[in-house]
Each structure stands twice: as structure tokens, then as C-alpha cells.
Amino acid sequence: MSTQEQNVELVGEAVASNLVRMAMFAALTGAFAYVSFQNPISPVPVTLQVLGVFLAGVFLGPLWGGASMLVYVATGAMGAPIFAGGSAGLGVLLGPYGGYLWSYPFAAAALGLVVHGVDGLNTPKEVGLARLVAGMVAATAIIYAFGTVGYAFVNGVGLYEAFLVAAAAFVPVEALKMAAAVGIVRSDAIAAE
């Protein structure tokens, strides 16, 4: 009697690799949420979460970058303390700053689309600076739009007032996050991998 062994590949190697990278960027965004401080001109706290959104979009592309941020938001909604300052739960998503969180999957996907297009992933270091910055500006616009509408709705204020508090007050900080993201993308340590 002979026995035969066959290997069955349930998930392709590329899919498995992308699942791991997706989880890694979701976890990184959660870690960035702990870097939080009060904006002196807004009640909305400043965090590094958006840097995680930028990096997910650039390194994972539109599909996996968006999925990574969806995993991040869902994990926090289920109670993992990975939102700003270690907060968690559906209450955060429905609170005054929840609009920002809802935007992350869309922002990462849009950034990935601008940087990589629809024909597959480019090597991030080889993507032109204008394309990287345009993608991050598009992602920031999405985040600000969701954040402004969410803040206005929950706090019962007009869109103009909400925009001043929830978006305009953060432009200098977002510019620094964009510069950090470009520096990470252009880093020789990242390119060696």
C-alpha cells in the first residue's frame, strides 16, 4: 500500500504576503495613534495616524492599503485600544472625531490609486515626488472632508466653523507628515528590501 502526499496551496504566496503587510500597516497606524498631543488652536488632537494612512497607501497600493485601514478601523471598533490616545469602540467612531477614522480606508485607497494607478504596484522609491505629494494631498482632502462633516454633525456646528477647527488648523502638521512619508519612501533602508 502506497501513500501519496500532495501540497495544497489554499492561499497564494502573494496573497499571504499582502495579508501580512496589510496587518503590519494596520498595527503601525495603531501604534502611531499613541503619539497624540493637543493642537493649541483646535480641540481635535494631533496624532501620527495619518502618517500610517500615507504609508499604507504608498507601500500597499489602492486595494491592500484601503483594506489595511479597514482592518485598523474595524479592530478599533471591536475594542482594541488603537485609536488616538488608546481609545477604542464604536463610540469613538460615532464621536466628534470619528469622521477622520471613517475616512482612512478611502484615503489610503485614493493615495494608492494616485501613486500606483490600476496596472499594478510601482516601486515606491521610483514614483515621482509630484505623484507622491499629489496622492497625499488627495488623501488629506478626503480625511479633512470626512473629519469636517463628522465634527459638524456631532457638535451641531456649521461646516465652515467645523472646517476651521477640524481641518484648517492641521495643515502645517499634515505638511510635516507628508515630508516624513516622503523621507521614509526615499530612505535607502526601505529601498534595500
N, C-alpha and C. Protein backbone atom coordinates (compact mmCIF):
# COMPACT_ATOMS: atom_id res chain seq x y z
N MET A 1 0.82 -1.15 0.00
CA MET A 1 0.00 0.00 0.00
C MET A 1 0.89 1.25 0.00
N SER A 2 0.63 2.12 -0.93
CA SER A 2 1.43 3.34 -1.01
C SER A 2 0.57 4.55 -0.63
N THR A 3 1.22 5.49 -0.11
CA THR A 3 0.51 6.73 0.25
C THR A 3 1.11 7.87 -0.56
N GLN A 4 0.25 8.74 -0.94
CA GLN A 4 0.70 9.90 -1.70
C GLN A 4 0.44 11.16 -0.88
N GLU A 5 1.38 12.05 -1.01
CA GLU A 5 1.22 13.35 -0.36
C GLU A 5 1.11 14.41 -1.42
N GLN A 6 0.20 15.30 -1.21
CA GLN A 6 0.08 16.43 -2.10
C GLN A 6 0.01 17.71 -1.27
N ASN A 7 0.68 18.69 -1.76
CA ASN A 7 0.59 20.00 -1.12
C ASN A 7 -0.54 20.77 -1.77
N VAL A 8 -1.36 21.31 -0.94
CA VAL A 8 -2.46 22.12 -1.44
C VAL A 8 -2.22 23.55 -0.98
N GLU A 9 -2.14 24.43 -1.91
CA GLU A 9 -1.93 25.84 -1.58
C GLU A 9 -3.29 26.52 -1.49
N LEU A 10 -3.71 26.83 -0.26
CA LEU A 10 -5.01 27.45 -0.06
C LEU A 10 -5.01 28.92 -0.44
N VAL A 11 -3.91 29.57 -0.17
CA VAL A 11 -3.76 30.99 -0.49
C VAL A 11 -2.41 31.15 -1.17
N GLY A 12 -2.40 31.86 -2.26
CA GLY A 12 -1.16 32.08 -2.98
C GLY A 12 -0.15 32.84 -2.15
N GLU A 13 1.10 32.71 -2.52
CA GLU A 13 2.18 33.36 -1.77
C GLU A 13 2.02 34.88 -1.78
N ALA A 14 1.62 35.45 -2.91
CA ALA A 14 1.44 36.90 -2.99
C ALA A 14 0.32 37.37 -2.07
N VAL A 15 -0.77 36.61 -2.02
CA VAL A 15 -1.89 36.98 -1.15
C VAL A 15 -1.47 36.89 0.31
N ALA A 16 -0.77 35.83 0.66
CA ALA A 16 -0.31 35.66 2.05
C ALA A 16 0.63 36.80 2.44
N SER A 17 1.52 37.17 1.55
CA SER A 17 2.44 38.27 1.81
C SER A 17 1.68 39.59 1.99
N ASN A 18 0.70 39.82 1.14
CA ASN A 18 -0.08 41.05 1.26
C ASN A 18 -0.93 41.08 2.52
N LEU A 19 -1.44 39.94 2.95
CA LEU A 19 -2.20 39.89 4.21
C LEU A 19 -1.32 40.26 5.39
N VAL A 20 -0.10 39.78 5.38
CA VAL A 20 0.85 40.10 6.46
C VAL A 20 1.18 41.59 6.43
N ARG A 21 1.47 42.11 5.25
CA ARG A 21 1.79 43.54 5.14
C ARG A 21 0.59 44.41 5.52
N MET A 22 -0.60 43.97 5.15
CA MET A 22 -1.81 44.69 5.49
C MET A 22 -1.96 44.78 7.02
N ALA A 23 -1.76 43.67 7.69
CA ALA A 23 -1.86 43.64 9.15
C ALA A 23 -0.76 44.51 9.78
N MET A 24 0.43 44.47 9.19
CA MET A 24 1.54 45.26 9.71
C MET A 24 1.24 46.77 9.64
N PHE A 25 0.69 47.24 8.52
CA PHE A 25 0.39 48.66 8.41
C PHE A 25 -0.80 49.05 9.28
N ALA A 26 -1.74 48.16 9.48
CA ALA A 26 -2.84 48.44 10.41
C ALA A 26 -2.28 48.59 11.83
N ALA A 27 -1.37 47.70 12.20
CA ALA A 27 -0.75 47.76 13.53
C ALA A 27 0.11 49.02 13.68
N LEU A 28 0.83 49.37 12.63
CA LEU A 28 1.66 50.58 12.67
C LEU A 28 0.80 51.82 12.87
N THR A 29 -0.33 51.88 12.19
CA THR A 29 -1.24 53.01 12.36
C THR A 29 -1.77 53.06 13.79
N GLY A 30 -2.05 51.89 14.36
CA GLY A 30 -2.48 51.84 15.76
C GLY A 30 -1.39 52.33 16.70
N ALA A 31 -0.15 51.98 16.41
CA ALA A 31 0.97 52.47 17.24
C ALA A 31 1.11 53.99 17.09
N PHE A 32 0.96 54.48 15.87
CA PHE A 32 1.04 55.93 15.63
C PHE A 32 -0.05 56.69 16.38
N ALA A 33 -1.18 56.04 16.66
CA ALA A 33 -2.28 56.70 17.37
C ALA A 33 -1.88 57.08 18.80
N TYR A 34 -0.88 56.40 19.34
CA TYR A 34 -0.43 56.70 20.69
C TYR A 34 0.44 57.95 20.74
N VAL A 35 0.94 58.39 19.59
CA VAL A 35 1.66 59.66 19.53
C VAL A 35 0.59 60.72 19.31
N SER A 36 0.13 61.30 20.40
CA SER A 36 -1.01 62.20 20.36
C SER A 36 -0.74 63.39 21.27
N PHE A 37 -1.04 64.58 20.77
CA PHE A 37 -0.94 65.77 21.60
C PHE A 37 -2.01 66.76 21.17
N GLN A 38 -2.30 67.69 22.07
CA GLN A 38 -3.37 68.65 21.81
C GLN A 38 -2.89 69.73 20.86
N ASN A 39 -3.69 70.01 19.84
CA ASN A 39 -3.43 71.11 18.92
C ASN A 39 -3.77 72.40 19.67
N PRO A 40 -2.86 73.37 19.73
CA PRO A 40 -3.15 74.59 20.50
C PRO A 40 -4.29 75.45 19.94
N ILE A 41 -4.67 75.22 18.68
CA ILE A 41 -5.74 76.05 18.11
C ILE A 41 -6.98 75.25 17.74
N SER A 42 -7.07 74.01 18.23
CA SER A 42 -8.23 73.17 17.92
C SER A 42 -8.45 72.17 19.04
N PRO A 43 -9.70 71.80 19.30
CA PRO A 43 -9.96 70.76 20.29
C PRO A 43 -9.64 69.36 19.77
N VAL A 44 -9.42 69.22 18.47
CA VAL A 44 -9.12 67.93 17.86
C VAL A 44 -7.65 67.61 18.09
N PRO A 45 -7.31 66.44 18.65
CA PRO A 45 -5.91 66.13 18.92
C PRO A 45 -5.13 65.84 17.63
N VAL A 46 -3.84 66.07 17.70
CA VAL A 46 -2.93 65.74 16.61
C VAL A 46 -2.35 64.36 16.90
N THR A 47 -2.39 63.48 15.92
CA THR A 47 -1.78 62.16 16.06
C THR A 47 -0.96 61.87 14.81
N LEU A 48 -0.24 60.77 14.84
CA LEU A 48 0.52 60.34 13.66
C LEU A 48 -0.25 59.32 12.83
N GLN A 49 -1.52 59.09 13.14
CA GLN A 49 -2.30 58.10 12.40
C GLN A 49 -2.28 58.36 10.90
N VAL A 50 -2.37 59.60 10.50
CA VAL A 50 -2.41 59.92 9.07
C VAL A 50 -1.11 59.49 8.38
N LEU A 51 0.00 59.54 9.09
CA LEU A 51 1.25 59.03 8.53
C LEU A 51 1.11 57.54 8.21
N GLY A 52 0.43 56.80 9.06
CA GLY A 52 0.17 55.38 8.78
C GLY A 52 -0.71 55.20 7.56
N VAL A 53 -1.70 56.07 7.40
CA VAL A 53 -2.56 56.03 6.21
C VAL A 53 -1.73 56.28 4.96
N PHE A 54 -0.87 57.30 5.01
CA PHE A 54 0.00 57.61 3.87
C PHE A 54 0.87 56.42 3.50
N LEU A 55 1.52 55.84 4.50
CA LEU A 55 2.44 54.73 4.22
C LEU A 55 1.72 53.50 3.70
N ALA A 56 0.53 53.23 4.22
CA ALA A 56 -0.25 52.08 3.73
C ALA A 56 -0.61 52.27 2.26
N GLY A 57 -1.06 53.47 1.90
CA GLY A 57 -1.42 53.73 0.51
C GLY A 57 -0.23 53.63 -0.42
N VAL A 58 0.92 54.18 0.01
CA VAL A 58 2.12 54.19 -0.84
C VAL A 58 2.70 52.78 -0.99
N PHE A 59 2.82 52.06 0.11
CA PHE A 59 3.50 50.76 0.05
C PHE A 59 2.60 49.60 -0.35
N LEU A 60 1.29 49.72 -0.09
CA LEU A 60 0.40 48.60 -0.38
C LEU A 60 -0.49 48.81 -1.60
N GLY A 61 -0.61 50.04 -2.05
CA GLY A 61 -1.46 50.30 -3.20
C GLY A 61 -2.91 50.48 -2.81
N PRO A 62 -3.78 50.69 -3.81
CA PRO A 62 -5.18 51.03 -3.50
C PRO A 62 -5.96 49.91 -2.81
N LEU A 63 -5.83 48.69 -3.27
CA LEU A 63 -6.61 47.59 -2.70
C LEU A 63 -6.15 47.22 -1.30
N TRP A 64 -4.89 46.86 -1.17
CA TRP A 64 -4.38 46.40 0.12
C TRP A 64 -4.20 47.55 1.11
N GLY A 65 -3.87 48.75 0.62
CA GLY A 65 -3.78 49.90 1.52
C GLY A 65 -5.13 50.24 2.12
N GLY A 66 -6.16 50.28 1.27
CA GLY A 66 -7.51 50.53 1.79
C GLY A 66 -7.97 49.43 2.73
N ALA A 67 -7.66 48.18 2.38
CA ALA A 67 -8.04 47.05 3.24
C ALA A 67 -7.32 47.12 4.58
N SER A 68 -6.07 47.55 4.56
CA SER A 68 -5.31 47.67 5.79
C SER A 68 -5.96 48.66 6.74
N MET A 69 -6.40 49.79 6.21
CA MET A 69 -7.05 50.79 7.07
C MET A 69 -8.45 50.34 7.49
N LEU A 70 -9.10 49.54 6.66
CA LEU A 70 -10.38 48.96 7.06
C LEU A 70 -10.19 48.01 8.24
N VAL A 71 -9.15 47.21 8.19
CA VAL A 71 -8.81 46.32 9.32
C VAL A 71 -8.51 47.16 10.56
N TYR A 72 -7.77 48.24 10.39
CA TYR A 72 -7.44 49.11 11.51
C TYR A 72 -8.72 49.66 12.17
N VAL A 73 -9.60 50.23 11.36
CA VAL A 73 -10.83 50.81 11.90
C VAL A 73 -11.71 49.74 12.54
N ALA A 74 -11.86 48.61 11.89
CA ALA A 74 -12.70 47.52 12.43
C ALA A 74 -12.13 46.98 13.74
N THR A 75 -10.82 46.84 13.81
CA THR A 75 -10.19 46.33 15.03
C THR A 75 -10.41 47.30 16.19
N GLY A 76 -10.26 48.59 15.93
CA GLY A 76 -10.52 49.58 16.98
C GLY A 76 -11.98 49.62 17.37
N ALA A 77 -12.87 49.46 16.39
CA ALA A 77 -14.30 49.46 16.69
C ALA A 77 -14.69 48.28 17.56
N MET A 78 -13.98 47.17 17.41
CA MET A 78 -14.27 45.97 18.21
C MET A 78 -13.66 46.03 19.60
N GLY A 79 -12.93 47.09 19.91
CA GLY A 79 -12.46 47.26 21.27
C GLY A 79 -10.96 47.28 21.48
N ALA A 80 -10.17 47.05 20.44
CA ALA A 80 -8.72 47.14 20.61
C ALA A 80 -8.34 48.61 20.81
N PRO A 81 -7.55 48.92 21.81
CA PRO A 81 -7.25 50.33 22.12
C PRO A 81 -6.22 50.93 21.16
N ILE A 82 -6.62 51.13 19.92
CA ILE A 82 -5.68 51.58 18.89
C ILE A 82 -6.07 52.90 18.23
N PHE A 83 -7.07 53.57 18.78
CA PHE A 83 -7.41 54.90 18.28
C PHE A 83 -6.63 55.93 19.10
N ALA A 84 -6.78 57.19 18.79
CA ALA A 84 -6.00 58.26 19.42
C ALA A 84 -5.97 58.12 20.94
N GLY A 85 -4.77 58.14 21.49
CA GLY A 85 -4.61 58.08 22.93
C GLY A 85 -5.03 56.77 23.56
N GLY A 86 -5.15 55.70 22.79
CA GLY A 86 -5.54 54.41 23.32
C GLY A 86 -7.03 54.21 23.46
N SER A 87 -7.82 55.04 22.81
CA SER A 87 -9.27 54.87 22.86
C SER A 87 -9.71 53.76 21.91
N ALA A 88 -10.94 53.31 22.08
CA ALA A 88 -11.46 52.21 21.26
C ALA A 88 -12.98 52.20 21.31
N GLY A 89 -13.57 51.41 20.42
CA GLY A 89 -15.00 51.18 20.45
C GLY A 89 -15.79 51.97 19.44
N LEU A 90 -17.04 51.56 19.27
CA LEU A 90 -17.94 52.24 18.33
C LEU A 90 -18.22 53.68 18.73
N GLY A 91 -18.17 53.96 20.02
CA GLY A 91 -18.40 55.32 20.48
C GLY A 91 -17.41 56.31 19.88
N VAL A 92 -16.17 55.88 19.69
CA VAL A 92 -15.17 56.75 19.08
C VAL A 92 -15.53 57.02 17.62
N LEU A 93 -15.98 55.98 16.92
CA LEU A 93 -16.36 56.15 15.51
C LEU A 93 -17.58 57.04 15.34
N LEU A 94 -18.43 57.10 16.37
CA LEU A 94 -19.62 57.92 16.31
C LEU A 94 -19.44 59.26 17.02
N GLY A 95 -18.25 59.49 17.56
CA GLY A 95 -17.97 60.72 18.30
C GLY A 95 -17.51 61.85 17.39
N PRO A 96 -17.10 62.96 17.98
CA PRO A 96 -16.75 64.15 17.21
C PRO A 96 -15.56 63.96 16.27
N TYR A 97 -14.70 62.99 16.54
CA TYR A 97 -13.52 62.78 15.70
C TYR A 97 -13.62 61.51 14.86
N GLY A 98 -14.77 60.87 14.90
CA GLY A 98 -14.96 59.62 14.18
C GLY A 98 -14.87 59.75 12.67
N GLY A 99 -15.23 60.91 12.16
CA GLY A 99 -15.18 61.12 10.71
C GLY A 99 -13.80 60.88 10.14
N TYR A 100 -12.79 61.27 10.89
CA TYR A 100 -11.42 61.03 10.44
C TYR A 100 -11.17 59.54 10.26
N LEU A 101 -11.57 58.77 11.26
CA LEU A 101 -11.34 57.32 11.21
C LEU A 101 -12.09 56.67 10.05
N TRP A 102 -13.33 57.08 9.83
CA TRP A 102 -14.11 56.51 8.72
C TRP A 102 -13.41 56.78 7.38
N SER A 103 -12.66 57.86 7.30
CA SER A 103 -12.03 58.25 6.04
C SER A 103 -10.80 57.43 5.70
N TYR A 104 -10.16 56.82 6.67
CA TYR A 104 -8.85 56.20 6.44
C TYR A 104 -8.83 55.16 5.33
N PRO A 105 -9.79 54.24 5.25
CA PRO A 105 -9.74 53.28 4.13
C PRO A 105 -9.85 53.97 2.77
N PHE A 106 -10.71 54.97 2.68
CA PHE A 106 -10.89 55.69 1.41
C PHE A 106 -9.64 56.50 1.06
N ALA A 107 -9.06 57.13 2.06
CA ALA A 107 -7.87 57.95 1.83
C ALA A 107 -6.69 57.09 1.39
N ALA A 108 -6.48 55.96 2.06
CA ALA A 108 -5.36 55.08 1.68
C ALA A 108 -5.57 54.53 0.27
N ALA A 109 -6.80 54.16 -0.05
CA ALA A 109 -7.10 53.64 -1.39
C ALA A 109 -6.87 54.71 -2.45
N ALA A 110 -7.32 55.92 -2.19
CA ALA A 110 -7.13 57.01 -3.16
C ALA A 110 -5.65 57.32 -3.34
N LEU A 111 -4.92 57.36 -2.26
CA LEU A 111 -3.47 57.60 -2.34
C LEU A 111 -2.80 56.51 -3.15
N GLY A 112 -3.15 55.26 -2.86
CA GLY A 112 -2.59 54.15 -3.62
C GLY A 112 -2.92 54.23 -5.09
N LEU A 113 -4.11 54.67 -5.40
CA LEU A 113 -4.53 54.80 -6.80
C LEU A 113 -3.72 55.88 -7.52
N VAL A 114 -3.52 57.01 -6.86
CA VAL A 114 -2.73 58.09 -7.47
C VAL A 114 -1.28 57.66 -7.67
N VAL A 115 -0.72 57.01 -6.68
CA VAL A 115 0.69 56.62 -6.74
C VAL A 115 0.93 55.45 -7.70
N HIS A 116 0.04 54.48 -7.71
CA HIS A 116 0.28 53.25 -8.47
C HIS A 116 -0.59 53.08 -9.70
N GLY A 117 -1.68 53.81 -9.79
CA GLY A 117 -2.59 53.60 -10.91
C GLY A 117 -3.33 52.28 -10.74
N VAL A 118 -3.81 51.73 -11.83
CA VAL A 118 -4.60 50.49 -11.77
C VAL A 118 -3.87 49.30 -12.39
N ASP A 119 -2.66 49.51 -12.85
CA ASP A 119 -1.94 48.45 -13.56
C ASP A 119 -0.98 47.64 -12.69
N GLY A 120 -1.04 47.77 -11.40
CA GLY A 120 -0.14 47.04 -10.52
C GLY A 120 0.69 48.01 -9.70
N LEU A 121 1.49 47.47 -8.80
CA LEU A 121 2.26 48.31 -7.89
C LEU A 121 3.58 48.74 -8.51
N ASN A 122 3.87 50.02 -8.34
CA ASN A 122 5.18 50.56 -8.71
C ASN A 122 6.10 50.42 -7.50
N THR A 123 7.39 50.46 -7.72
CA THR A 123 8.33 50.52 -6.61
C THR A 123 8.20 51.92 -6.01
N PRO A 124 7.80 52.04 -4.74
CA PRO A 124 7.53 53.36 -4.17
C PRO A 124 8.68 54.36 -4.34
N LYS A 125 9.92 53.90 -4.18
CA LYS A 125 11.05 54.82 -4.27
C LYS A 125 11.19 55.40 -5.67
N GLU A 126 10.69 54.71 -6.67
CA GLU A 126 10.82 55.16 -8.05
C GLU A 126 9.66 56.04 -8.51
N VAL A 127 8.64 56.19 -7.68
CA VAL A 127 7.50 57.05 -8.01
C VAL A 127 7.95 58.50 -7.88
N GLY A 128 7.57 59.33 -8.83
CA GLY A 128 7.96 60.73 -8.81
C GLY A 128 7.43 61.47 -7.59
N LEU A 129 8.19 62.47 -7.17
CA LEU A 129 7.81 63.25 -6.00
C LEU A 129 6.45 63.92 -6.19
N ALA A 130 6.20 64.45 -7.37
CA ALA A 130 4.92 65.12 -7.62
C ALA A 130 3.75 64.15 -7.45
N ARG A 131 3.94 62.93 -7.91
CA ARG A 131 2.87 61.93 -7.79
C ARG A 131 2.65 61.54 -6.33
N LEU A 132 3.74 61.38 -5.58
CA LEU A 132 3.62 61.06 -4.15
C LEU A 132 2.87 62.18 -3.41
N VAL A 133 3.30 63.41 -3.64
CA VAL A 133 2.68 64.53 -2.94
C VAL A 133 1.22 64.70 -3.38
N ALA A 134 0.94 64.54 -4.67
CA ALA A 134 -0.45 64.64 -5.15
C ALA A 134 -1.32 63.59 -4.48
N GLY A 135 -0.81 62.38 -4.34
CA GLY A 135 -1.57 61.33 -3.67
C GLY A 135 -1.83 61.65 -2.22
N MET A 136 -0.83 62.20 -1.53
CA MET A 136 -1.00 62.54 -0.12
C MET A 136 -1.95 63.74 0.04
N VAL A 137 -1.90 64.68 -0.88
CA VAL A 137 -2.84 65.81 -0.83
C VAL A 137 -4.27 65.30 -1.04
N ALA A 138 -4.45 64.38 -1.99
CA ALA A 138 -5.78 63.80 -2.21
C ALA A 138 -6.27 63.06 -0.97
N ALA A 139 -5.38 62.28 -0.36
CA ALA A 139 -5.75 61.55 0.85
C ALA A 139 -6.11 62.51 1.97
N THR A 140 -5.34 63.57 2.11
CA THR A 140 -5.61 64.57 3.15
C THR A 140 -6.95 65.25 2.92
N ALA A 141 -7.26 65.56 1.67
CA ALA A 141 -8.56 66.19 1.35
C ALA A 141 -9.71 65.27 1.75
N ILE A 142 -9.56 63.97 1.51
CA ILE A 142 -10.60 63.01 1.91
C ILE A 142 -10.73 62.96 3.43
N ILE A 143 -9.60 62.90 4.11
CA ILE A 143 -9.61 62.86 5.58
C ILE A 143 -10.25 64.13 6.14
N TYR A 144 -9.89 65.28 5.60
CA TYR A 144 -10.46 66.54 6.07
C TYR A 144 -11.96 66.61 5.79
N ALA A 145 -12.37 66.13 4.64
CA ALA A 145 -13.80 66.17 4.30
C ALA A 145 -14.60 65.33 5.28
N PHE A 146 -14.18 64.10 5.50
CA PHE A 146 -14.89 63.23 6.45
C PHE A 146 -14.82 63.81 7.86
N GLY A 147 -13.62 64.27 8.26
CA GLY A 147 -13.45 64.82 9.60
C GLY A 147 -14.29 66.05 9.83
N THR A 148 -14.36 66.94 8.84
CA THR A 148 -15.14 68.16 8.95
C THR A 148 -16.63 67.85 9.07
N VAL A 149 -17.12 66.99 8.19
CA VAL A 149 -18.55 66.64 8.22
C VAL A 149 -18.89 65.94 9.54
N GLY A 150 -18.06 65.00 9.97
CA GLY A 150 -18.32 64.31 11.23
C GLY A 150 -18.31 65.25 12.41
N TYR A 151 -17.35 66.14 12.45
CA TYR A 151 -17.25 67.11 13.55
C TYR A 151 -18.47 68.03 13.55
N ALA A 152 -18.87 68.52 12.37
CA ALA A 152 -20.03 69.41 12.27
C ALA A 152 -21.29 68.70 12.72
N PHE A 153 -21.48 67.48 12.28
CA PHE A 153 -22.69 66.73 12.60
C PHE A 153 -22.80 66.46 14.10
N VAL A 154 -21.74 65.93 14.69
CA VAL A 154 -21.78 65.54 16.10
C VAL A 154 -21.87 66.77 17.01
N ASN A 155 -21.18 67.85 16.65
CA ASN A 155 -21.16 69.03 17.51
C ASN A 155 -22.24 70.05 17.18
N GLY A 156 -23.01 69.81 16.11
CA GLY A 156 -24.09 70.71 15.76
C GLY A 156 -23.61 72.10 15.34
N VAL A 157 -22.48 72.15 14.63
CA VAL A 157 -21.97 73.43 14.15
C VAL A 157 -22.00 73.44 12.62
N GLY A 158 -21.84 74.60 12.04
CA GLY A 158 -21.82 74.72 10.59
C GLY A 158 -20.54 74.16 9.98
N LEU A 159 -20.60 73.88 8.69
CA LEU A 159 -19.44 73.30 8.00
C LEU A 159 -18.24 74.25 7.99
N TYR A 160 -18.49 75.54 7.86
CA TYR A 160 -17.38 76.49 7.85
C TYR A 160 -16.63 76.46 9.18
N GLU A 161 -17.38 76.55 10.28
CA GLU A 161 -16.75 76.51 11.60
C GLU A 161 -16.05 75.17 11.81
N ALA A 162 -16.69 74.09 11.41
CA ALA A 162 -16.08 72.77 11.55
C ALA A 162 -14.80 72.66 10.72
N PHE A 163 -14.82 73.22 9.51
CA PHE A 163 -13.63 73.19 8.67
C PHE A 163 -12.47 73.92 9.33
N LEU A 164 -12.73 75.07 9.91
CA LEU A 164 -11.67 75.83 10.57
C LEU A 164 -11.06 75.05 11.72
N VAL A 165 -11.91 74.39 12.49
CA VAL A 165 -11.46 73.67 13.68
C VAL A 165 -10.89 72.29 13.34
N ALA A 166 -11.54 71.58 12.42
CA ALA A 166 -11.21 70.18 12.18
C ALA A 166 -10.30 69.94 10.98
N ALA A 167 -10.03 70.97 10.20
CA ALA A 167 -9.19 70.76 9.02
C ALA A 167 -8.11 71.83 8.89
N ALA A 168 -8.50 73.09 8.76
CA ALA A 168 -7.54 74.16 8.50
C ALA A 168 -6.47 74.25 9.59
N ALA A 169 -6.84 73.96 10.81
CA ALA A 169 -5.88 74.02 11.92
C ALA A 169 -4.78 72.98 11.82
N PHE A 170 -4.94 72.01 10.92
CA PHE A 170 -3.99 70.90 10.83
C PHE A 170 -3.08 70.94 9.61
N VAL A 171 -3.24 71.93 8.75
CA VAL A 171 -2.47 71.97 7.51
C VAL A 171 -0.96 71.92 7.77
N PRO A 172 -0.40 72.72 8.70
CA PRO A 172 1.05 72.64 8.91
C PRO A 172 1.50 71.26 9.39
N VAL A 173 0.70 70.64 10.25
CA VAL A 173 1.06 69.32 10.77
C VAL A 173 1.01 68.28 9.66
N GLU A 174 0.01 68.37 8.79
CA GLU A 174 -0.08 67.40 7.68
C GLU A 174 1.09 67.57 6.73
N ALA A 175 1.55 68.80 6.53
CA ALA A 175 2.71 69.02 5.67
C ALA A 175 3.94 68.31 6.25
N LEU A 176 4.09 68.35 7.57
CA LEU A 176 5.20 67.63 8.20
C LEU A 176 5.06 66.12 8.04
N LYS A 177 3.84 65.61 8.14
CA LYS A 177 3.61 64.17 7.95
C LYS A 177 3.90 63.77 6.51
N MET A 178 3.54 64.62 5.56
CA MET A 178 3.85 64.34 4.16
C MET A 178 5.36 64.29 3.95
N ALA A 179 6.07 65.25 4.54
CA ALA A 179 7.53 65.26 4.41
C ALA A 179 8.14 64.00 5.04
N ALA A 180 7.60 63.59 6.18
CA ALA A 180 8.09 62.36 6.82
C ALA A 180 7.83 61.15 5.93
N ALA A 181 6.64 61.08 5.34
CA ALA A 181 6.31 59.96 4.46
C ALA A 181 7.24 59.92 3.25
N VAL A 182 7.50 61.08 2.65
CA VAL A 182 8.42 61.12 1.50
C VAL A 182 9.80 60.67 1.94
N GLY A 183 10.25 61.13 3.11
CA GLY A 183 11.55 60.70 3.62
C GLY A 183 11.63 59.20 3.83
N ILE A 184 10.58 58.62 4.35
CA ILE A 184 10.55 57.16 4.57
C ILE A 184 10.57 56.44 3.24
N VAL A 185 9.77 56.90 2.28
CA VAL A 185 9.70 56.26 0.97
C VAL A 185 11.05 56.33 0.26
N ARG A 186 11.72 57.46 0.39
CA ARG A 186 13.00 57.66 -0.29
C ARG A 186 14.19 57.10 0.50
N SER A 187 13.96 56.59 1.69
CA SER A 187 15.02 56.07 2.53
C SER A 187 15.74 54.89 1.89
N ASP A 188 17.05 54.89 2.02
CA ASP A 188 17.84 53.78 1.49
C ASP A 188 17.57 52.48 2.23
N ALA A 189 17.21 52.56 3.52
CA ALA A 189 16.91 51.35 4.27
C ALA A 189 15.68 50.65 3.73
N ILE A 190 14.68 51.43 3.33
CA ILE A 190 13.46 50.86 2.76
C ILE A 190 13.74 50.31 1.36
N ALA A 191 14.54 51.02 0.58
CA ALA A 191 14.83 50.61 -0.79
C ALA A 191 15.61 49.30 -0.84
N ALA A 192 16.37 48.99 0.22
CA ALA A 192 17.19 47.78 0.21
C ALA A 192 16.34 46.52 0.30
N GLU A 193 15.11 46.66 0.77
CA GLU A 193 14.27 45.46 0.95
C GLU A 193 13.67 44.99 -0.33
